[in-house]
Amino acid sequence: MKTALIACKTIEKEVEAILEQYSISMDYIFYVASGLHNSTMRLQEAVKKEMEKLKELDVDRLLLCFGLCGNMIDGLETGNYETILPKTDDCITLLLGSRKRRKDLDDRERGYFLTKGWLQGEANLHKEYKDAIAMYGQKTADEIYQEIFDGYTCLSLIDTGQNDFEGFYEEGKEIAKDFGLKPTRIEGEMDWLTGYLMQDIERLEKNDRIVIYPPYSRMSWKDFLE
């Protein structure tokens, strides 16, 4: 069976680490720029462009490593291959291990979740904050972001097991200071992503962790509802 993977660059390090650790072979791997999440339409067009490449590659299965991501998947059409997606709202939930765990963490102390991959993206909230300072001045920029972070108490930095986490944590502490939040370390849980990349279909389907589309299907946000 020929398998293709299309994933967001936000989780590239985690994906590559799992593929290497478990000697998982993919026939084709494509990554989509993480900064495109700021526009659902642009993100969908980028994913569609990568899916178009599969027409000439004769693949049997596509692992589309995205969640709903602002309903980005809604209306996408698959080709002559089976398509499997994690049944999640976004990559953060995937890296936290479950929807329940994310909710429990938020109920305990509401945090804005951040990963190293997201911080390295072409566009992220901290870069936008710096741009706002340059454009509007410190006082106005702070007022804008105080409004954005209203109700948040901490910046939740997710440790996904990569060896550069401590450097990321130090950087995160400075970002948290800019936003008036408390930096908090959150352990990631890689079981969901690992099982997905290993194509552990039976177990993932049983635990309601994937959405499966047969060839020539049209995707819908409704398929991701619990």
C-alpha atoms as a PDB file:
ATOM      1  CA  MET A   1       0.000   0.000   0.000  1.00  0.00           C
ATOM      2  CA  LYS A   2       1.375   3.412  -1.006  1.00  0.00           C
ATOM      3  CA  THR A   3       0.799   6.074   1.634  1.00  0.00           C
ATOM      4  CA  ALA A   4       1.135   9.853   1.420  1.00  0.00           C
ATOM      5  CA  LEU A   5       1.260  12.252   4.351  1.00  0.00           C
ATOM      6  CA  ILE A   6       0.263  15.908   4.208  1.00  0.00           C
ATOM      7  CA  ALA A   7       0.859  17.732   7.488  1.00  0.00           C
ATOM      8  CA  CYS A   8       1.235  21.219   8.911  1.00  0.00           C
ATOM      9  CA  LYS A   9       4.804  22.443   9.457  1.00  0.00           C
ATOM     10  CA  THR A  10       3.730  23.374  12.984  1.00  0.00           C
ATOM     11  CA  ILE A  11       4.125  19.705  13.977  1.00  0.00           C
ATOM     12  CA  GLU A  12       6.909  18.764  11.546  1.00  0.00           C
ATOM     13  CA  LYS A  13       9.447  18.035  14.303  1.00  0.00           C
ATOM     14  CA  GLU A  14       7.016  15.806  16.190  1.00  0.00           C
ATOM     15  CA  VAL A  15       6.034  13.948  13.022  1.00  0.00           C
ATOM     16  CA  GLU A  16       9.637  13.400  11.922  1.00  0.00           C
ATOM     17  CA  ALA A  17      10.674  12.250  15.418  1.00  0.00           C
ATOM     18  CA  ILE A  18       7.904   9.618  15.513  1.00  0.00           C
ATOM     19  CA  LEU A  19       8.646   8.408  11.984  1.00  0.00           C
ATOM     20  CA  GLU A  20      12.303   7.964  12.910  1.00  0.00           C
ATOM     21  CA  GLN A  21      11.697   6.432  16.344  1.00  0.00           C
ATOM     22  CA  TYR A  22       9.327   3.760  15.045  1.00  0.00           C
ATOM     23  CA  SER A  23      10.945   3.318  11.615  1.00  0.00           C
ATOM     24  CA  ILE A  24       7.701   4.266   9.885  1.00  0.00           C
ATOM     25  CA  SER A  25       7.992   4.550   6.136  1.00  0.00           C
ATOM     26  CA  MET A  26       5.912   7.005   4.124  1.00  0.00           C
ATOM     27  CA  ASP A  27       6.027   6.960   0.344  1.00  0.00           C
ATOM     28  CA  TYR A  28       5.427  10.714   0.074  1.00  0.00           C
ATOM     29  CA  ILE A  29       5.516  13.533   2.650  1.00  0.00           C
ATOM     30  CA  PHE A  30       4.376  17.112   2.086  1.00  0.00           C
ATOM     31  CA  TYR A  31       4.214  19.986   4.584  1.00  0.00           C
ATOM     32  CA  VAL A  32       2.015  23.081   4.467  1.00  0.00           C
ATOM     33  CA  ALA A  33       3.216  26.395   5.909  1.00  0.00           C
ATOM     34  CA  SER A  34       1.888  26.974   9.425  1.00  0.00           C
ATOM     35  CA  GLY A  35       1.279  30.696   8.961  1.00  0.00           C
ATOM     36  CA  LEU A  36      -1.620  29.926   6.627  1.00  0.00           C
ATOM     37  CA  HIS A  37      -3.808  29.162   9.659  1.00  0.00           C
ATOM     38  CA  ASN A  38      -4.548  32.882   9.831  1.00  0.00           C
ATOM     39  CA  SER A  39      -6.751  32.460   6.751  1.00  0.00           C
ATOM     40  CA  THR A  40      -9.052  29.451   6.385  1.00  0.00           C
ATOM     41  CA  MET A  41      -9.347  30.015   2.646  1.00  0.00           C
ATOM     42  CA  ARG A  42      -5.582  30.259   2.076  1.00  0.00           C
ATOM     43  CA  LEU A  43      -4.958  27.179   4.215  1.00  0.00           C
ATOM     44  CA  GLN A  44      -7.581  25.166   2.357  1.00  0.00           C
ATOM     45  CA  GLU A  45      -6.127  26.224  -1.010  1.00  0.00           C
ATOM     46  CA  ALA A  46      -2.628  25.181   0.103  1.00  0.00           C
ATOM     47  CA  VAL A  47      -3.848  21.766   1.261  1.00  0.00           C
ATOM     48  CA  LYS A  48      -5.840  21.328  -1.941  1.00  0.00           C
ATOM     49  CA  LYS A  49      -2.701  22.125  -3.962  1.00  0.00           C
ATOM     50  CA  GLU A  50      -0.760  19.388  -2.155  1.00  0.00           C
ATOM     51  CA  MET A  51      -3.619  16.924  -2.670  1.00  0.00           C
ATOM     52  CA  GLU A  52      -3.560  17.693  -6.404  1.00  0.00           C
ATOM     53  CA  LYS A  53      -0.019  16.279  -6.536  1.00  0.00           C
ATOM     54  CA  LEU A  54      -1.359  12.866  -5.553  1.00  0.00           C
ATOM     55  CA  LYS A  55      -3.189  12.445  -8.854  1.00  0.00           C
ATOM     56  CA  GLU A  56       0.057  11.443 -10.532  1.00  0.00           C
ATOM     57  CA  LEU A  57       1.448   9.348  -7.671  1.00  0.00           C
ATOM     58  CA  ASP A  58      -0.974   6.401  -7.531  1.00  0.00           C
ATOM     59  CA  VAL A  59      -1.332   6.369  -3.732  1.00  0.00           C
ATOM     60  CA  ASP A  60      -3.747   4.122  -1.839  1.00  0.00           C
ATOM     61  CA  ARG A  61      -4.053   6.143   1.369  1.00  0.00           C
ATOM     62  CA  LEU A  62      -3.620   9.748   2.395  1.00  0.00           C
ATOM     63  CA  LEU A  63      -2.918  10.693   5.995  1.00  0.00           C
ATOM     64  CA  LEU A  64      -4.096  14.293   6.116  1.00  0.00           C
ATOM     65  CA  CYS A  65      -2.638  15.473   9.400  1.00  0.00           C
ATOM     66  CA  PHE A  66      -4.963  18.380  10.136  1.00  0.00           C
ATOM     67  CA  GLY A  67      -7.974  18.857  12.343  1.00  0.00           C
ATOM     68  CA  LEU A  68     -10.922  21.103  11.632  1.00  0.00           C
ATOM     69  CA  CYS A  69      -8.574  24.109  11.775  1.00  0.00           C
ATOM     70  CA  GLY A  70     -11.275  26.739  11.419  1.00  0.00           C
ATOM     71  CA  ASN A  71     -13.347  24.403   9.233  1.00  0.00           C
ATOM     72  CA  MET A  72     -10.519  24.323   6.688  1.00  0.00           C
ATOM     73  CA  ILE A  73     -11.377  20.751   5.669  1.00  0.00           C
ATOM     74  CA  ASP A  74     -15.030  21.548   4.912  1.00  0.00           C
ATOM     75  CA  GLY A  75     -15.735  20.928   1.235  1.00  0.00           C
ATOM     76  CA  LEU A  76     -12.361  19.380   0.352  1.00  0.00           C
ATOM     77  CA  GLU A  77     -12.686  16.463  -2.056  1.00  0.00           C
ATOM     78  CA  THR A  78     -10.522  13.351  -2.012  1.00  0.00           C
ATOM     79  CA  GLY A  79      -9.154  11.530  -5.037  1.00  0.00           C
ATOM     80  CA  ASN A  80      -8.913   7.818  -5.816  1.00  0.00           C
ATOM     81  CA  TYR A  81      -7.488   6.986  -2.376  1.00  0.00           C
ATOM     82  CA  GLU A  82      -8.676   6.525   1.182  1.00  0.00           C
ATOM     83  CA  THR A  83      -8.186   9.622   3.341  1.00  0.00           C
ATOM     84  CA  ILE A  84      -7.758   9.572   7.113  1.00  0.00           C
ATOM     85  CA  LEU A  85      -7.684  12.557   9.470  1.00  0.00           C
ATOM     86  CA  PRO A  86      -7.325  12.867  13.246  1.00  0.00           C
ATOM     87  CA  LYS A  87     -10.751  13.659  14.698  1.00  0.00           C
ATOM     88  CA  THR A  88      -9.650  16.843  16.398  1.00  0.00           C
ATOM     89  CA  ASP A  89     -10.316  20.562  16.305  1.00  0.00           C
ATOM     90  CA  ASP A  90      -6.636  21.442  15.825  1.00  0.00           C
ATOM     91  CA  CYS A  91      -3.035  20.310  16.335  1.00  0.00           C
ATOM     92  CA  ILE A  92      -2.960  21.504  19.950  1.00  0.00           C
ATOM     93  CA  THR A  93      -5.588  18.960  20.990  1.00  0.00           C
ATOM     94  CA  LEU A  94      -3.726  16.272  19.029  1.00  0.00           C
ATOM     95  CA  LEU A  95      -0.497  17.025  20.925  1.00  0.00           C
ATOM     96  CA  LEU A  96      -2.299  17.102  24.281  1.00  0.00           C
ATOM     97  CA  GLY A  97      -3.626  13.591  23.705  1.00  0.00           C
ATOM     98  CA  SER A  98      -7.387  14.074  23.898  1.00  0.00           C
ATOM     99  CA  ARG A  99     -10.219  16.573  23.833  1.00  0.00           C
ATOM    100  CA  LYS A 100     -10.973  15.736  27.472  1.00  0.00           C
ATOM    101  CA  ARG A 101      -7.438  16.520  28.629  1.00  0.00           C
ATOM    102  CA  ARG A 102      -7.481  19.871  26.895  1.00  0.00           C
ATOM    103  CA  LYS A 103     -10.786  20.723  28.547  1.00  0.00           C
ATOM    104  CA  ASP A 104      -9.529  19.574  31.957  1.00  0.00           C
ATOM    105  CA  LEU A 105      -6.430  21.766  31.610  1.00  0.00           C
ATOM    106  CA  ASP A 106      -8.558  24.749  30.629  1.00  0.00           C
ATOM    107  CA  ASP A 107     -10.971  24.135  33.501  1.00  0.00           C
ATOM    108  CA  ARG A 108      -8.076  24.041  35.958  1.00  0.00           C
ATOM    109  CA  GLU A 109      -6.344  27.181  34.671  1.00  0.00           C
ATOM    110  CA  ARG A 110      -7.158  28.755  31.346  1.00  0.00           C
ATOM    111  CA  GLY A 111      -4.041  28.943  29.227  1.00  0.00           C
ATOM    112  CA  TYR A 112      -3.098  29.995  25.720  1.00  0.00           C
ATOM    113  CA  PHE A 113      -1.312  26.947  24.311  1.00  0.00           C
ATOM    114  CA  LEU A 114       1.949  27.367  22.440  1.00  0.00           C
ATOM    115  CA  THR A 115       4.359  24.926  20.800  1.00  0.00           C
ATOM    116  CA  LYS A 116       7.877  25.374  19.482  1.00  0.00           C
ATOM    117  CA  GLY A 117       6.637  24.621  15.979  1.00  0.00           C
ATOM    118  CA  TRP A 118       3.961  27.289  16.164  1.00  0.00           C
ATOM    119  CA  LEU A 119       6.453  29.854  17.444  1.00  0.00           C
ATOM    120  CA  GLN A 120       8.764  29.104  14.509  1.00  0.00           C
ATOM    121  CA  GLY A 121       5.966  29.622  12.000  1.00  0.00           C
ATOM    122  CA  GLU A 122       5.965  32.389   9.415  1.00  0.00           C
ATOM    123  CA  ALA A 123       3.255  34.185  11.400  1.00  0.00           C
ATOM    124  CA  ASN A 124       2.432  33.848  15.077  1.00  0.00           C
ATOM    125  CA  LEU A 125       0.793  35.883  17.788  1.00  0.00           C
ATOM    126  CA  HIS A 126       4.047  37.222  19.232  1.00  0.00           C
ATOM    127  CA  LYS A 127       5.328  38.410  15.859  1.00  0.00           C
ATOM    128  CA  GLU A 128       1.989  40.093  15.287  1.00  0.00           C
ATOM    129  CA  TYR A 129       2.312  41.776  18.688  1.00  0.00           C
ATOM    130  CA  LYS A 130       5.729  43.169  17.738  1.00  0.00           C
ATOM    131  CA  ASP A 131       4.277  44.384  14.439  1.00  0.00           C
ATOM    132  CA  ALA A 132       1.440  46.069  16.323  1.00  0.00           C
ATOM    133  CA  ILE A 133       3.959  47.915  18.526  1.00  0.00           C
ATOM    134  CA  ALA A 134       5.798  49.158  15.437  1.00  0.00           C
ATOM    135  CA  MET A 135       2.539  50.238  13.795  1.00  0.00           C
ATOM    136  CA  TYR A 136       0.482  51.635  16.699  1.00  0.00           C
ATOM    137  CA  GLY A 137       2.917  52.150  19.559  1.00  0.00           C
ATOM    138  CA  GLN A 138       3.408  50.212  22.811  1.00  0.00           C
ATOM    139  CA  LYS A 139       0.346  51.533  24.663  1.00  0.00           C
ATOM    140  CA  THR A 140      -2.171  50.738  21.913  1.00  0.00           C
ATOM    141  CA  ALA A 141      -0.585  47.371  21.158  1.00  0.00           C
ATOM    142  CA  ASP A 142      -0.789  46.400  24.836  1.00  0.00           C
ATOM    143  CA  GLU A 143      -4.441  47.420  24.972  1.00  0.00           C
ATOM    144  CA  ILE A 144      -5.221  45.285  21.905  1.00  0.00           C
ATOM    145  CA  TYR A 145      -3.508  42.200  23.323  1.00  0.00           C
ATOM    146  CA  GLN A 146      -4.925  42.659  26.810  1.00  0.00           C
ATOM    147  CA  GLU A 147      -8.304  42.350  25.126  1.00  0.00           C
ATOM    148  CA  ILE A 148      -7.194  39.254  23.177  1.00  0.00           C
ATOM    149  CA  PHE A 149      -5.934  37.544  26.337  1.00  0.00           C
ATOM    150  CA  ASP A 150      -8.815  38.588  28.546  1.00  0.00           C
ATOM    151  CA  GLY A 151      -9.732  35.558  30.662  1.00  0.00           C
ATOM    152  CA  TYR A 152      -6.382  33.783  30.161  1.00  0.00           C
ATOM    153  CA  THR A 153      -4.083  33.375  33.144  1.00  0.00           C
ATOM    154  CA  CYS A 154      -1.104  31.534  31.690  1.00  0.00           C
ATOM    155  CA  LEU A 155       0.894  30.790  28.562  1.00  0.00           C
ATOM    156  CA  SER A 156       0.851  26.982  28.353  1.00  0.00           C
ATOM    157  CA  LEU A 157       4.089  25.798  26.716  1.00  0.00           C
ATOM    158  CA  ILE A 158       3.703  22.232  25.457  1.00  0.00           C
ATOM    159  CA  ASP A 159       6.667  19.888  25.908  1.00  0.00           C
ATOM    160  CA  THR A 160       6.388  17.352  23.083  1.00  0.00           C
ATOM    161  CA  GLY A 161       9.612  15.566  23.977  1.00  0.00           C
ATOM    162  CA  GLN A 162      11.937  17.454  21.636  1.00  0.00           C
ATOM    163  CA  ASN A 163      15.442  18.166  22.934  1.00  0.00           C
ATOM    164  CA  ASP A 164      15.128  21.921  22.385  1.00  0.00           C
ATOM    165  CA  PHE A 165      12.293  22.417  24.857  1.00  0.00           C
ATOM    166  CA  GLU A 166      14.338  24.215  27.530  1.00  0.00           C
ATOM    167  CA  GLY A 167      15.393  26.887  25.038  1.00  0.00           C
ATOM    168  CA  PHE A 168      11.774  27.205  23.934  1.00  0.00           C
ATOM    169  CA  TYR A 169      10.659  27.508  27.557  1.00  0.00           C
ATOM    170  CA  GLU A 170      13.081  30.364  28.188  1.00  0.00           C
ATOM    171  CA  GLU A 171      11.781  32.134  25.093  1.00  0.00           C
ATOM    172  CA  GLY A 172       8.236  31.417  26.225  1.00  0.00           C
ATOM    173  CA  LYS A 173       8.863  33.097  29.568  1.00  0.00           C
ATOM    174  CA  GLU A 174       9.745  36.324  27.780  1.00  0.00           C
ATOM    175  CA  ILE A 175       6.639  36.079  25.600  1.00  0.00           C
ATOM    176  CA  ALA A 176       4.480  35.427  28.657  1.00  0.00           C
ATOM    177  CA  LYS A 177       5.910  38.550  30.291  1.00  0.00           C
ATOM    178  CA  ASP A 178       4.969  40.638  27.243  1.00  0.00           C
ATOM    179  CA  PHE A 179       1.390  39.377  27.442  1.00  0.00           C
ATOM    180  CA  GLY A 180       1.073  39.571  31.230  1.00  0.00           C
ATOM    181  CA  LEU A 181       0.644  35.800  31.568  1.00  0.00           C
ATOM    182  CA  LYS A 182       2.269  33.155  33.739  1.00  0.00           C
ATOM    183  CA  PRO A 183       4.480  30.650  31.831  1.00  0.00           C
ATOM    184  CA  THR A 184       3.416  27.062  32.478  1.00  0.00           C
ATOM    185  CA  ARG A 185       5.004  23.838  31.261  1.00  0.00           C
ATOM    186  CA  ILE A 186       2.514  21.274  29.940  1.00  0.00           C
ATOM    187  CA  GLU A 187       3.541  17.714  29.098  1.00  0.00           C
ATOM    188  CA  GLY A 188       2.460  16.661  25.638  1.00  0.00           C
ATOM    189  CA  GLU A 189       0.997  13.223  24.997  1.00  0.00           C
ATOM    190  CA  MET A 190       2.120  11.652  21.715  1.00  0.00           C
ATOM    191  CA  ASP A 191       0.069   8.443  21.722  1.00  0.00           C
ATOM    192  CA  TRP A 192      -2.661   9.778  19.445  1.00  0.00           C
ATOM    193  CA  LEU A 193      -0.242  11.197  16.857  1.00  0.00           C
ATOM    194  CA  THR A 194       1.955   8.092  17.072  1.00  0.00           C
ATOM    195  CA  GLY A 195      -0.948   5.718  16.485  1.00  0.00           C
ATOM    196  CA  TYR A 196      -2.118   7.862  13.604  1.00  0.00           C
ATOM    197  CA  LEU A 197       1.270   7.825  11.864  1.00  0.00           C
ATOM    198  CA  MET A 198       1.605   4.087  12.493  1.00  0.00           C
ATOM    199  CA  GLN A 199      -1.837   3.733  10.858  1.00  0.00           C
ATOM    200  CA  ASP A 200      -3.248   1.881  13.842  1.00  0.00           C
ATOM    201  CA  ILE A 201      -6.649   2.222  12.192  1.00  0.00           C
ATOM    202  CA  GLU A 202      -8.682  -0.311  14.166  1.00  0.00           C
ATOM    203  CA  ARG A 203      -7.713   1.048  17.596  1.00  0.00           C
ATOM    204  CA  LEU A 204      -8.038   4.703  16.579  1.00  0.00           C
ATOM    205  CA  GLU A 205     -11.425   4.139  14.985  1.00  0.00           C
ATOM    206  CA  LYS A 206     -12.661   2.235  18.041  1.00  0.00           C
ATOM    207  CA  ASN A 207     -11.645   5.152  20.259  1.00  0.00           C
ATOM    208  CA  ASP A 208     -13.270   7.730  17.971  1.00  0.00           C
ATOM    209  CA  ARG A 209      -9.951   9.383  17.152  1.00  0.00           C
ATOM    210  CA  ILE A 210     -10.035   9.405  13.368  1.00  0.00           C
ATOM    211  CA  VAL A 211     -12.324  10.283  10.475  1.00  0.00           C
ATOM    212  CA  ILE A 212     -12.104   7.986   7.447  1.00  0.00           C
ATOM    213  CA  TYR A 213     -13.161   9.020   3.953  1.00  0.00           C
ATOM    214  CA  PRO A 214     -13.390   6.483   1.122  1.00  0.00           C
ATOM    215  CA  PRO A 215     -12.163   7.486  -2.372  1.00  0.00           C
ATOM    216  CA  TYR A 216     -13.961  10.366  -4.078  1.00  0.00           C
ATOM    217  CA  SER A 217     -15.515  11.765  -0.916  1.00  0.00           C
ATOM    218  CA  ARG A 218     -16.413  15.291   0.096  1.00  0.00           C
ATOM    219  CA  MET A 219     -15.276  16.260   3.579  1.00  0.00           C
ATOM    220  CA  SER A 220     -17.558  17.995   6.065  1.00  0.00           C
ATOM    221  CA  TRP A 221     -17.067  19.653   9.435  1.00  0.00           C
ATOM    222  CA  LYS A 222     -20.062  17.651  10.659  1.00  0.00           C
ATOM    223  CA  ASP A 223     -17.964  14.461  10.558  1.00  0.00           C
ATOM    224  CA  PHE A 224     -15.807  15.870  13.373  1.00  0.00           C
ATOM    225  CA  LEU A 225     -18.616  16.437  15.826  1.00  0.00           C
ATOM    226  CA  GLU A 226     -18.633  14.198  18.881  1.00  0.00           C
END
